[in-house]
PDB file of all heavy atoms in Angstrom:
ATOM      1  N   ASP A   1       0.832  -1.201   0.010  1.00  0.00           N
ATOM      2  CA  ASP A   1       0.000   0.011  -0.013  1.00  0.00           C
ATOM      3  C   ASP A   1       0.866   1.259   0.009  1.00  0.00           C
ATOM      4  O   ASP A   1       0.567   2.233  -0.696  1.00  0.00           O
ATOM      5  CB  ASP A   1      -0.928   0.009   1.219  1.00  0.00           C
ATOM      6  CG  ASP A   1      -2.040  -1.029   1.121  1.00  0.00           C
ATOM      7  OD1 ASP A   1      -2.269  -1.531   0.006  1.00  0.00           O
ATOM      8  OD2 ASP A   1      -2.664  -1.333   2.162  1.00  0.00           O
ATOM      9  N   ALA A   2       1.953   1.231   0.785  1.00  0.00           N
ATOM     10  CA  ALA A   2       2.849   2.375   0.850  1.00  0.00           C
ATOM     11  C   ALA A   2       3.524   2.627  -0.501  1.00  0.00           C
ATOM     12  O   ALA A   2       3.667   3.775  -0.936  1.00  0.00           O
ATOM     13  CB  ALA A   2       3.905   2.163   1.933  1.00  0.00           C
ATOM     14  N   CYS A   3       3.924   1.555  -1.169  1.00  0.00           N
ATOM     15  CA  CYS A   3       4.573   1.705  -2.478  1.00  0.00           C
ATOM     16  C   CYS A   3       3.607   2.259  -3.507  1.00  0.00           C
ATOM     17  O   CYS A   3       3.979   3.085  -4.358  1.00  0.00           O
ATOM     18  CB  CYS A   3       5.130   0.357  -2.939  1.00  0.00           C
ATOM     19  SG  CYS A   3       6.637  -0.157  -2.071  1.00  0.00           S
ATOM     20  N   ARG A   4       2.356   1.811  -3.454  1.00  0.00           N
ATOM     21  CA  ARG A   4       1.376   2.332  -4.397  1.00  0.00           C
ATOM     22  C   ARG A   4       1.142   3.825  -4.151  1.00  0.00           C
ATOM     23  O   ARG A   4       0.889   4.586  -5.083  1.00  0.00           O
ATOM     24  CB  ARG A   4       0.064   1.562  -4.251  1.00  0.00           C
ATOM     25  CG  ARG A   4       0.138   0.116  -4.727  1.00  0.00           C
ATOM     26  CD  ARG A   4      -1.259  -0.531  -4.766  1.00  0.00           C
ATOM     27  NE  ARG A   4      -1.198  -1.916  -5.215  1.00  0.00           N
ATOM     28  CZ  ARG A   4      -1.224  -2.962  -4.414  1.00  0.00           C
ATOM     29  NH1 ARG A   4      -1.337  -2.778  -3.090  1.00  0.00           N
ATOM     30  NH2 ARG A   4      -1.129  -4.195  -4.881  1.00  0.00           N
ATOM     31  N   ARG A   5       1.190   4.230  -2.908  1.00  0.00           N
ATOM     32  CA  ARG A   5       0.953   5.618  -2.542  1.00  0.00           C
ATOM     33  C   ARG A   5       2.153   6.516  -2.852  1.00  0.00           C
ATOM     34  O   ARG A   5       2.026   7.620  -3.377  1.00  0.00           O
ATOM     35  CB  ARG A   5       0.576   5.722  -1.080  1.00  0.00           C
ATOM     36  CG  ARG A   5       0.167   7.133  -0.626  1.00  0.00           C
ATOM     37  CD  ARG A   5      -0.317   7.123   0.809  1.00  0.00           C
ATOM     38  NE  ARG A   5       0.736   6.816   1.765  1.00  0.00           N
ATOM     39  CZ  ARG A   5       0.881   5.666   2.400  1.00  0.00           C
ATOM     40  NH1 ARG A   5       0.036   4.666   2.163  1.00  0.00           N
ATOM     41  NH2 ARG A   5       1.844   5.457   3.250  1.00  0.00           N
ATOM     42  N   LEU A   6       3.357   6.033  -2.509  1.00  0.00           N
ATOM     43  CA  LEU A   6       4.576   6.850  -2.624  1.00  0.00           C
ATOM     44  C   LEU A   6       5.233   6.740  -3.987  1.00  0.00           C
ATOM     45  O   LEU A   6       6.006   7.622  -4.373  1.00  0.00           O
ATOM     46  CB  LEU A   6       5.572   6.442  -1.543  1.00  0.00           C
ATOM     47  CG  LEU A   6       5.117   6.647  -0.101  1.00  0.00           C
ATOM     48  CD1 LEU A   6       6.115   6.032   0.860  1.00  0.00           C
ATOM     49  CD2 LEU A   6       4.931   8.127   0.191  1.00  0.00           C
ATOM     50  N   ARG A   7       5.008   5.632  -4.701  1.00  0.00           N
ATOM     51  CA  ARG A   7       5.619   5.392  -5.997  1.00  0.00           C
ATOM     52  C   ARG A   7       7.139   5.588  -5.920  1.00  0.00           C
ATOM     53  O   ARG A   7       7.690   6.482  -6.572  1.00  0.00           O
ATOM     54  CB  ARG A   7       5.020   6.285  -7.068  1.00  0.00           C
ATOM     55  CG  ARG A   7       3.510   6.021  -7.270  1.00  0.00           C
ATOM     56  CD  ARG A   7       2.944   6.850  -8.397  1.00  0.00           C
ATOM     57  NE  ARG A   7       1.529   6.549  -8.614  1.00  0.00           N
ATOM     58  CZ  ARG A   7       0.789   7.100  -9.550  1.00  0.00           C
ATOM     59  NH1 ARG A   7       1.313   8.004 -10.384  1.00  0.00           N
ATOM     60  NH2 ARG A   7      -0.490   6.768  -9.667  1.00  0.00           N
ATOM     61  N   PRO A   8       7.818   4.798  -5.166  1.00  0.00           N
ATOM     62  CA  PRO A   8       9.285   4.984  -4.979  1.00  0.00           C
ATOM     63  C   PRO A   8      10.060   4.682  -6.256  1.00  0.00           C
ATOM     64  O   PRO A   8       9.664   3.855  -7.079  1.00  0.00           O
ATOM     65  CB  PRO A   8       9.603   3.968  -3.885  1.00  0.00           C
ATOM     66  CG  PRO A   8       8.606   2.896  -4.076  1.00  0.00           C
ATOM     67  CD  PRO A   8       7.323   3.604  -4.436  1.00  0.00           C
ATOM     68  N   GLU A   9      11.169   5.373  -6.403  1.00  0.00           N
ATOM     69  CA  GLU A   9      12.071   5.104  -7.511  1.00  0.00           C
ATOM     70  C   GLU A   9      12.993   3.935  -7.190  1.00  0.00           C
ATOM     71  O   GLU A   9      13.517   3.276  -8.083  1.00  0.00           O
ATOM     72  CB  GLU A   9      12.910   6.345  -7.811  1.00  0.00           C
ATOM     73  CG  GLU A   9      12.112   7.569  -8.255  1.00  0.00           C
ATOM     74  CD  GLU A   9      12.988   8.779  -8.459  1.00  0.00           C
ATOM     75  OE1 GLU A   9      14.093   8.615  -8.996  1.00  0.00           O
ATOM     76  OE2 GLU A   9      12.578   9.865  -8.064  1.00  0.00           O
ATOM     77  N   LEU A  10      13.155   3.681  -5.900  1.00  0.00           N
ATOM     78  CA  LEU A  10      14.033   2.607  -5.482  1.00  0.00           C
ATOM     79  C   LEU A  10      13.489   1.945  -4.217  1.00  0.00           C
ATOM     80  O   LEU A  10      13.090   2.639  -3.282  1.00  0.00           O
ATOM     81  CB  LEU A  10      15.446   3.152  -5.181  1.00  0.00           C
ATOM     82  CG  LEU A  10      16.454   2.212  -4.520  1.00  0.00           C
ATOM     83  CD1 LEU A  10      16.804   1.060  -5.450  1.00  0.00           C
ATOM     84  CD2 LEU A  10      17.688   2.970  -4.097  1.00  0.00           C
ATOM     85  N   PHE A  11      13.471   0.604  -4.207  1.00  0.00           N
ATOM     86  CA  PHE A  11      13.073  -0.163  -3.034  1.00  0.00           C
ATOM     87  C   PHE A  11      14.312  -0.892  -2.538  1.00  0.00           C
ATOM     88  O   PHE A  11      14.954  -1.633  -3.301  1.00  0.00           O
ATOM     89  CB  PHE A  11      11.972  -1.148  -3.385  1.00  0.00           C
ATOM     90  CG  PHE A  11      11.499  -1.980  -2.237  1.00  0.00           C
ATOM     91  CD1 PHE A  11      10.490  -1.517  -1.391  1.00  0.00           C
ATOM     92  CD2 PHE A  11      12.045  -3.217  -1.963  1.00  0.00           C
ATOM     93  CE1 PHE A  11      10.048  -2.271  -0.306  1.00  0.00           C
ATOM     94  CE2 PHE A  11      11.609  -3.973  -0.881  1.00  0.00           C
ATOM     95  CZ  PHE A  11      10.613  -3.506  -0.065  1.00  0.00           C
ATOM     96  N   VAL A  12      14.662  -0.687  -1.268  1.00  0.00           N
ATOM     97  CA  VAL A  12      15.846  -1.311  -0.693  1.00  0.00           C
ATOM     98  C   VAL A  12      15.421  -2.356   0.321  1.00  0.00           C
ATOM     99  O   VAL A  12      14.749  -2.041   1.303  1.00  0.00           O
ATOM    100  CB  VAL A  12      16.782  -0.264  -0.036  1.00  0.00           C
ATOM    101  CG1 VAL A  12      18.041  -0.949   0.493  1.00  0.00           C
ATOM    102  CG2 VAL A  12      17.150   0.824  -1.037  1.00  0.00           C
ATOM    103  N   ASP A  13      15.806  -3.580   0.086  1.00  0.00           N
ATOM    104  CA  ASP A  13      15.458  -4.719   0.940  1.00  0.00           C
ATOM    105  C   ASP A  13      16.704  -5.115   1.724  1.00  0.00           C
ATOM    106  O   ASP A  13      17.595  -5.814   1.228  1.00  0.00           O
ATOM    107  CB  ASP A  13      14.974  -5.877   0.059  1.00  0.00           C
ATOM    108  CG  ASP A  13      14.308  -6.996   0.833  1.00  0.00           C
ATOM    109  OD1 ASP A  13      14.340  -6.939   2.079  1.00  0.00           O
ATOM    110  OD2 ASP A  13      13.770  -7.932   0.209  1.00  0.00           O
ATOM    111  N   VAL A  14      16.778  -4.677   2.984  1.00  0.00           N
ATOM    112  CA  VAL A  14      17.944  -4.934   3.831  1.00  0.00           C
ATOM    113  C   VAL A  14      17.726  -6.236   4.602  1.00  0.00           C
ATOM    114  O   VAL A  14      16.752  -6.362   5.337  1.00  0.00           O
ATOM    115  CB  VAL A  14      18.198  -3.777   4.814  1.00  0.00           C
ATOM    116  CG1 VAL A  14      19.376  -4.088   5.739  1.00  0.00           C
ATOM    117  CG2 VAL A  14      18.452  -2.482   4.056  1.00  0.00           C
ATOM    118  N   GLY A  15      18.650  -7.164   4.474  1.00  0.00           N
ATOM    119  CA  GLY A  15      18.461  -8.480   5.067  1.00  0.00           C
ATOM    120  C   GLY A  15      17.368  -9.203   4.300  1.00  0.00           C
ATOM    121  O   GLY A  15      16.379  -9.661   4.856  1.00  0.00           O
ATOM    122  N   ALA A  16      17.539  -9.309   2.965  1.00  0.00           N
ATOM    123  CA  ALA A  16      16.476  -9.798   2.080  1.00  0.00           C
ATOM    124  C   ALA A  16      16.127 -11.258   2.320  1.00  0.00           C
ATOM    125  O   ALA A  16      15.045 -11.723   1.963  1.00  0.00           O
ATOM    126  CB  ALA A  16      16.893  -9.607   0.625  1.00  0.00           C
ATOM    127  N   TYR A  17      17.042 -12.030   2.897  1.00  0.00           N
ATOM    128  CA  TYR A  17      16.874 -13.453   3.141  1.00  0.00           C
ATOM    129  C   TYR A  17      16.493 -14.196   1.849  1.00  0.00           C
ATOM    130  O   TYR A  17      17.262 -14.219   0.912  1.00  0.00           O
ATOM    131  CB  TYR A  17      15.858 -13.690   4.266  1.00  0.00           C
ATOM    132  CG  TYR A  17      15.771 -15.137   4.713  1.00  0.00           C
ATOM    133  CD1 TYR A  17      16.925 -15.923   4.789  1.00  0.00           C
ATOM    134  CD2 TYR A  17      14.560 -15.727   5.009  1.00  0.00           C
ATOM    135  CE1 TYR A  17      16.851 -17.258   5.177  1.00  0.00           C
ATOM    136  CE2 TYR A  17      14.470 -17.059   5.411  1.00  0.00           C
ATOM    137  CZ  TYR A  17      15.630 -17.818   5.475  1.00  0.00           C
ATOM    138  OH  TYR A  17      15.563 -19.135   5.836  1.00  0.00           O
ATOM    139  N   LEU A  18      15.309 -14.789   1.771  1.00  0.00           N
ATOM    140  CA  LEU A  18      14.960 -15.526   0.573  1.00  0.00           C
ATOM    141  C   LEU A  18      14.355 -14.649  -0.532  1.00  0.00           C
ATOM    142  O   LEU A  18      13.961 -15.144  -1.583  1.00  0.00           O
ATOM    143  CB  LEU A  18      14.020 -16.699   0.898  1.00  0.00           C
ATOM    144  CG  LEU A  18      12.733 -16.439   1.711  1.00  0.00           C
ATOM    145  CD1 LEU A  18      11.674 -15.867   0.847  1.00  0.00           C
ATOM    146  CD2 LEU A  18      12.270 -17.737   2.355  1.00  0.00           C
ATOM    147  N   GLY A  19      14.292 -13.339  -0.271  1.00  0.00           N
ATOM    148  CA  GLY A  19      13.831 -12.404  -1.291  1.00  0.00           C
ATOM    149  C   GLY A  19      12.326 -12.201  -1.356  1.00  0.00           C
ATOM    150  O   GLY A  19      11.798 -11.749  -2.368  1.00  0.00           O
ATOM    151  N   LEU A  20      11.623 -12.505  -0.267  1.00  0.00           N
ATOM    152  CA  LEU A  20      10.173 -12.391  -0.270  1.00  0.00           C
ATOM    153  C   LEU A  20       9.707 -10.993  -0.641  1.00  0.00           C
ATOM    154  O   LEU A  20       8.916 -10.809  -1.575  1.00  0.00           O
ATOM    155  CB  LEU A  20       9.614 -12.789   1.097  1.00  0.00           C
ATOM    156  CG  LEU A  20       8.121 -12.551   1.329  1.00  0.00           C
ATOM    157  CD1 LEU A  20       7.292 -13.363   0.348  1.00  0.00           C
ATOM    158  CD2 LEU A  20       7.736 -12.895   2.761  1.00  0.00           C
ATOM    159  N   TYR A  21      10.168  -9.987   0.090  1.00  0.00           N
ATOM    160  CA  TYR A  21       9.727  -8.610  -0.171  1.00  0.00           C
ATOM    161  C   TYR A  21      10.147  -8.149  -1.567  1.00  0.00           C
ATOM    162  O   TYR A  21       9.371  -7.527  -2.303  1.00  0.00           O
ATOM    163  CB  TYR A  21      10.271  -7.651   0.881  1.00  0.00           C
ATOM    164  CG  TYR A  21       9.490  -7.658   2.175  1.00  0.00           C
ATOM    165  CD1 TYR A  21       9.610  -8.674   3.092  1.00  0.00           C
ATOM    166  CD2 TYR A  21       8.589  -6.621   2.472  1.00  0.00           C
ATOM    167  CE1 TYR A  21       8.879  -8.701   4.264  1.00  0.00           C
ATOM    168  CE2 TYR A  21       7.862  -6.615   3.645  1.00  0.00           C
ATOM    169  CZ  TYR A  21       8.001  -7.652   4.541  1.00  0.00           C
ATOM    170  OH  TYR A  21       7.280  -7.665   5.716  1.00  0.00           O
ATOM    171  N   SER A  22      11.374  -8.446  -1.949  1.00  0.00           N
ATOM    172  CA  SER A  22      11.849  -8.026  -3.286  1.00  0.00           C
ATOM    173  C   SER A  22      11.025  -8.650  -4.387  1.00  0.00           C
ATOM    174  O   SER A  22      10.662  -7.984  -5.359  1.00  0.00           O
ATOM    175  CB  SER A  22      13.327  -8.408  -3.449  1.00  0.00           C
ATOM    176  OG  SER A  22      14.161  -7.683  -2.573  1.00  0.00           O
ATOM    177  N   CYS A  23      10.724  -9.934  -4.239  1.00  0.00           N
ATOM    178  CA  CYS A  23       9.973 -10.631  -5.287  1.00  0.00           C
ATOM    179  C   CYS A  23       8.520 -10.174  -5.365  1.00  0.00           C
ATOM    180  O   CYS A  23       7.933 -10.037  -6.431  1.00  0.00           O
ATOM    181  CB  CYS A  23      10.037 -12.140  -5.054  1.00  0.00           C
ATOM    182  SG  CYS A  23      11.670 -12.862  -5.385  1.00  0.00           S
ATOM    183  N   VAL A  24       7.919  -9.893  -4.182  1.00  0.00           N
ATOM    184  CA  VAL A  24       6.517  -9.421  -4.179  1.00  0.00           C
ATOM    185  C   VAL A  24       6.443  -8.019  -4.784  1.00  0.00           C
ATOM    186  O   VAL A  24       5.571  -7.737  -5.626  1.00  0.00           O
ATOM    187  CB  VAL A  24       5.960  -9.437  -2.738  1.00  0.00           C
ATOM    188  CG1 VAL A  24       4.615  -8.685  -2.680  1.00  0.00           C
ATOM    189  CG2 VAL A  24       5.777 -10.860  -2.248  1.00  0.00           C
ATOM    190  N   ILE A  25       7.345  -7.133  -4.359  1.00  0.00           N
ATOM    191  CA  ILE A  25       7.344  -5.762  -4.911  1.00  0.00           C
ATOM    192  C   ILE A  25       7.637  -5.785  -6.382  1.00  0.00           C
ATOM    193  O   ILE A  25       7.023  -5.085  -7.184  1.00  0.00           O
ATOM    194  CB  ILE A  25       8.393  -4.897  -4.161  1.00  0.00           C
ATOM    195  CG1 ILE A  25       8.009  -4.744  -2.676  1.00  0.00           C
ATOM    196  CG2 ILE A  25       8.495  -3.521  -4.805  1.00  0.00           C
ATOM    197  CD1 ILE A  25       6.677  -4.099  -2.413  1.00  0.00           C
ATOM    198  N   GLY A  26       8.597  -6.640  -6.796  1.00  0.00           N
ATOM    199  CA  GLY A  26       8.922  -6.732  -8.211  1.00  0.00           C
ATOM    200  C   GLY A  26       7.813  -7.343  -9.031  1.00  0.00           C
ATOM    201  O   GLY A  26       7.526  -6.884 -10.157  1.00  0.00           O
ATOM    202  N   HIS A  27       7.153  -8.365  -8.500  1.00  0.00           N
ATOM    203  CA  HIS A  27       6.064  -9.019  -9.240  1.00  0.00           C
ATOM    204  C   HIS A  27       4.954  -8.040  -9.528  1.00  0.00           C
ATOM    205  O   HIS A  27       4.363  -8.091 -10.628  1.00  0.00           O
ATOM    206  CB  HIS A  27       5.539 -10.192  -8.403  1.00  0.00           C
ATOM    207  CG  HIS A  27       4.307 -10.830  -8.975  1.00  0.00           C
ATOM    208  ND1 HIS A  27       4.322 -11.683 -10.053  1.00  0.00           N
ATOM    209  CD2 HIS A  27       2.979 -10.713  -8.603  1.00  0.00           C
ATOM    210  CE1 HIS A  27       3.088 -12.085 -10.323  1.00  0.00           C
ATOM    211  NE2 HIS A  27       2.260 -11.496  -9.468  1.00  0.00           N
ATOM    212  N   HIS A  28       4.639  -7.170  -8.583  1.00  0.00           N
ATOM    213  CA  HIS A  28       3.571  -6.196  -8.770  1.00  0.00           C
ATOM    214  C   HIS A  28       4.048  -4.899  -9.389  1.00  0.00           C
ATOM    215  O   HIS A  28       3.255  -3.953  -9.507  1.00  0.00           O
ATOM    216  CB  HIS A  28       2.885  -5.926  -7.406  1.00  0.00           C
ATOM    217  CG  HIS A  28       2.115  -7.108  -6.891  1.00  0.00           C
ATOM    218  ND1 HIS A  28       0.832  -7.394  -7.308  1.00  0.00           N
ATOM    219  CD2 HIS A  28       2.443  -8.076  -6.010  1.00  0.00           C
ATOM    220  CE1 HIS A  28       0.392  -8.496  -6.703  1.00  0.00           C
ATOM    221  NE2 HIS A  28       1.349  -8.940  -5.905  1.00  0.00           N
ATOM    222  N   LYS A  29       5.341  -4.855  -9.726  1.00  0.00           N
ATOM    223  CA  LYS A  29       5.928  -3.663 -10.386  1.00  0.00           C
ATOM    224  C   LYS A  29       5.635  -2.387  -9.619  1.00  0.00           C
ATOM    225  O   LYS A  29       5.210  -1.362 -10.165  1.00  0.00           O
ATOM    226  CB  LYS A  29       5.396  -3.556 -11.827  1.00  0.00           C
ATOM    227  CG  LYS A  29       5.805  -4.714 -12.721  1.00  0.00           C
ATOM    228  CD  LYS A  29       5.246  -4.567 -14.112  1.00  0.00           C
ATOM    229  CE  LYS A  29       5.815  -5.640 -15.051  1.00  0.00           C
ATOM    230  NZ  LYS A  29       5.608  -7.038 -14.583  1.00  0.00           N
ATOM    231  N   LEU A  30       5.907  -2.448  -8.302  1.00  0.00           N
ATOM    232  CA  LEU A  30       5.652  -1.312  -7.440  1.00  0.00           C
ATOM    233  C   LEU A  30       6.870  -0.405  -7.296  1.00  0.00           C
ATOM    234  O   LEU A  30       6.794   0.643  -6.633  1.00  0.00           O
ATOM    235  CB  LEU A  30       5.199  -1.811  -6.045  1.00  0.00           C
ATOM    236  CG  LEU A  30       3.884  -2.584  -6.056  1.00  0.00           C
ATOM    237  CD1 LEU A  30       3.566  -3.111  -4.655  1.00  0.00           C
ATOM    238  CD2 LEU A  30       2.752  -1.703  -6.568  1.00  0.00           C
ATOM    239  N   ALA A  31       7.991  -0.773  -7.879  1.00  0.00           N
ATOM    240  CA  ALA A  31       9.189   0.071  -7.898  1.00  0.00           C
ATOM    241  C   ALA A  31       9.992  -0.341  -9.133  1.00  0.00           C
ATOM    242  O   ALA A  31      10.123  -1.525  -9.438  1.00  0.00           O
ATOM    243  CB  ALA A  31      10.020  -0.143  -6.645  1.00  0.00           C
ATOM    244  N   PRO A  32      10.523   0.642  -9.870  1.00  0.00           N
ATOM    245  CA  PRO A  32      11.270   0.308 -11.080  1.00  0.00           C
ATOM    246  C   PRO A  32      12.637  -0.315 -10.816  1.00  0.00           C
ATOM    247  O   PRO A  32      13.194  -0.992 -11.653  1.00  0.00           O
ATOM    248  CB  PRO A  32      11.420   1.662 -11.786  1.00  0.00           C
ATOM    249  CG  PRO A  32      11.364   2.660 -10.676  1.00  0.00           C
ATOM    250  CD  PRO A  32      10.393   2.099  -9.672  1.00  0.00           C
ATOM    251  N   ARG A  33      13.163  -0.070  -9.600  1.00  0.00           N
ATOM    252  CA  ARG A  33      14.484  -0.593  -9.257  1.00  0.00           C
ATOM    253  C   ARG A  33      14.452  -1.136  -7.827  1.00  0.00           C
ATOM    254  O   ARG A  33      13.915  -0.482  -6.920  1.00  0.00           O
ATOM    255  CB  ARG A  33      15.534   0.511  -9.359  1.00  0.00           C
ATOM    256  CG  ARG A  33      16.937   0.067  -9.028  1.00  0.00           C
ATOM    257  CD  ARG A  33      17.883   1.261  -9.039  1.00  0.00           C
ATOM    258  NE  ARG A  33      19.176   0.920  -8.469  1.00  0.00           N
ATOM    259  CZ  ARG A  33      20.031   1.817  -7.949  1.00  0.00           C
ATOM    260  NH1 ARG A  33      19.708   3.108  -7.949  1.00  0.00           N
ATOM    261  NH2 ARG A  33      21.183   1.425  -7.452  1.00  0.00           N
ATOM    262  N   ILE A  34      14.997  -2.328  -7.638  1.00  0.00           N
ATOM    263  CA  ILE A  34      15.006  -2.968  -6.309  1.00  0.00           C
ATOM    264  C   ILE A  34      16.438  -3.380  -5.977  1.00  0.00           C
ATOM    265  O   ILE A  34      17.112  -3.992  -6.805  1.00  0.00           O
ATOM    266  CB  ILE A  34      14.081  -4.191  -6.275  1.00  0.00           C
ATOM    267  CG1 ILE A  34      12.643  -3.782  -6.570  1.00  0.00           C
ATOM    268  CG2 ILE A  34      14.180  -4.926  -4.945  1.00  0.00           C
ATOM    269  CD1 ILE A  34      11.697  -4.953  -6.759  1.00  0.00           C
ATOM    270  N   LEU A  35      16.878  -3.036  -4.781  1.00  0.00           N
ATOM    271  CA  LEU A  35      18.206  -3.391  -4.307  1.00  0.00           C
ATOM    272  C   LEU A  35      18.047  -4.345  -3.125  1.00  0.00           C
ATOM    273  O   LEU A  35      17.509  -3.949  -2.083  1.00  0.00           O
ATOM    274  CB  LEU A  35      18.968  -2.130  -3.883  1.00  0.00           C
ATOM    275  CG  LEU A  35      20.429  -2.287  -3.463  1.00  0.00           C
ATOM    276  CD1 LEU A  35      21.266  -2.875  -4.582  1.00  0.00           C
ATOM    277  CD2 LEU A  35      20.982  -0.922  -3.035  1.00  0.00           C
ATOM    278  N   ALA A  36      18.481  -5.588  -3.281  1.00  0.00           N
ATOM    279  CA  ALA A  36      18.339  -6.609  -2.223  1.00  0.00           C
ATOM    280  C   ALA A  36      19.706  -6.947  -1.645  1.00  0.00           C
ATOM    281  O   ALA A  36      20.584  -7.403  -2.367  1.00  0.00           O
ATOM    282  CB  ALA A  36      17.670  -7.853  -2.801  1.00  0.00           C
ATOM    283  N   LEU A  37      19.856  -6.712  -0.333  1.00  0.00           N
ATOM    284  CA  LEU A  37      21.132  -6.956   0.344  1.00  0.00           C
ATOM    285  C   LEU A  37      20.997  -8.146   1.288  1.00  0.00           C
ATOM    286  O   LEU A  37      20.096  -8.177   2.122  1.00  0.00           O
ATOM    287  CB  LEU A  37      21.550  -5.725   1.157  1.00  0.00           C
ATOM    288  CG  LEU A  37      21.550  -4.379   0.416  1.00  0.00           C
ATOM    289  CD1 LEU A  37      22.035  -3.280   1.345  1.00  0.00           C
ATOM    290  CD2 LEU A  37      22.380  -4.430  -0.850  1.00  0.00           C
TER     291      LEU A  37
END
C-alpha cells in the first residue's frame, strides 16, 4: 500500500533473506528498481 501511494524510484530490501519482499514488490511492479542486500 505504501509503495502504491509513494511510488518509490528505489526499493531497498535490507536483510532480504529468501527475497520475499523483493519478489513481491517486483512481481507487482511497485518500484522500477530494487536493491536486495
